[in-house]
Amino acid sequence: MSTPLTFIVGCTGCGKGELARALALRMGAEIISLDSMKVYRRMDIGTAKPSVEIRHVIPHHLIDVVEPSEDFSVAQYVQRAELAIAEIKSRGRPVMFVGGTPLYLKALTEGLFEGPGADGAVRDRLQEEARATSTPALHERLRRVDPAAAERIHPNDLRRIVRALEVFELTGRTISSLQVQWDRERPRHDMVLIGLRRTREEESHRINERVRRMVEAGLVDEVRSLLAEPRPLSRTARQALGYAEMIEHLSGRMSLADAIEFIKINTRQLAKAQRTWLRRFRAIRWIDLPAEAATADIVPEVLAHLPVQP
């Protein structure tokens, strides 16, 4: 019987990456990123990628795999992740996933949702509506027809908002009602899921500090460099948290102070959406971290839940 996969999940900024790296060192594991934005090359600061030095010590997969000008689908992620799982297991090493994209977790463990094919005319019309009003306004329309989907889709995630509305227009059914088929499927892998939780107050404090560090590390210059590249950013990359707000600032439509504040607000909204999504995974073993607690303090507790001991 193969060793179960380990997943370290939680809201953005909770410390799951730090915990995963400490565990990987103890277990001899390799890490697969469960993050939809770390796949993009040169989008480093805003996605909080582990440093090159860390990645030399602990092998990481599904980081820096596509150009920022390219779109990257859930199906592509699953395909690459399955290859990485097989590769790591062929070396006899444990596999550890870490990240905050629950849709990737859902697709990887329970399969992809098979909805209607894309309709270019519907998508173009919805995207034009978002340009004429705003992405949050389109999100509000989604909330009226499919509150469940709106609850877990970020108000600035235009791609997923458009897809949910497209499915509704093409089928007459909400995407959330169609996705219940996932809940009836058996997991595709044996796995152990560990979730980190902090109080809302501590979470908000950590988010503010995270944004401050990103700005000090050069987020504005990183976004400016990306915008100067010959090929334009893909729709997905432009909507990435931290990048969308800085693009507004660099385009002269928002002050730097306002952009920073919106990153904090939107990150808190993302964390709320992640909490909602992750509640659906009943197998997660949650660990509540007290204020100011370091993730290193809980390594022994987490190891006790894992099938591979150091």
Foldseek 3Di string as FASTA:
>chain_A
DDFAAEEEEAAPLLASVVLVLVLCVQQVAAEEEPEQQQLEPLLDLLVPDDDPVSCVVHPYHSGPNDHLLDDADLVNVLVRVVVVCVVRVVVVGHYYYYYQDLVNVLCNFQNDQDADDDDVVLLVVLVVVCVVPHQLVLLVVCCVVPVVQSLQDQSLQNVSSSVQVRRCVVPVDGPVVSVCVSVVGGTPTRYAAEYEDEDLVLSLVSLLVSLVVSVVVPLLVSLVVQCPDPRHGHPRSCSDQLNVLSVCCVVVNDPPVVSSVVSSVSSSSNSSSSVVSVVVVPRYDYDYDYHPDHSVVCSVVVQVRGPGGD
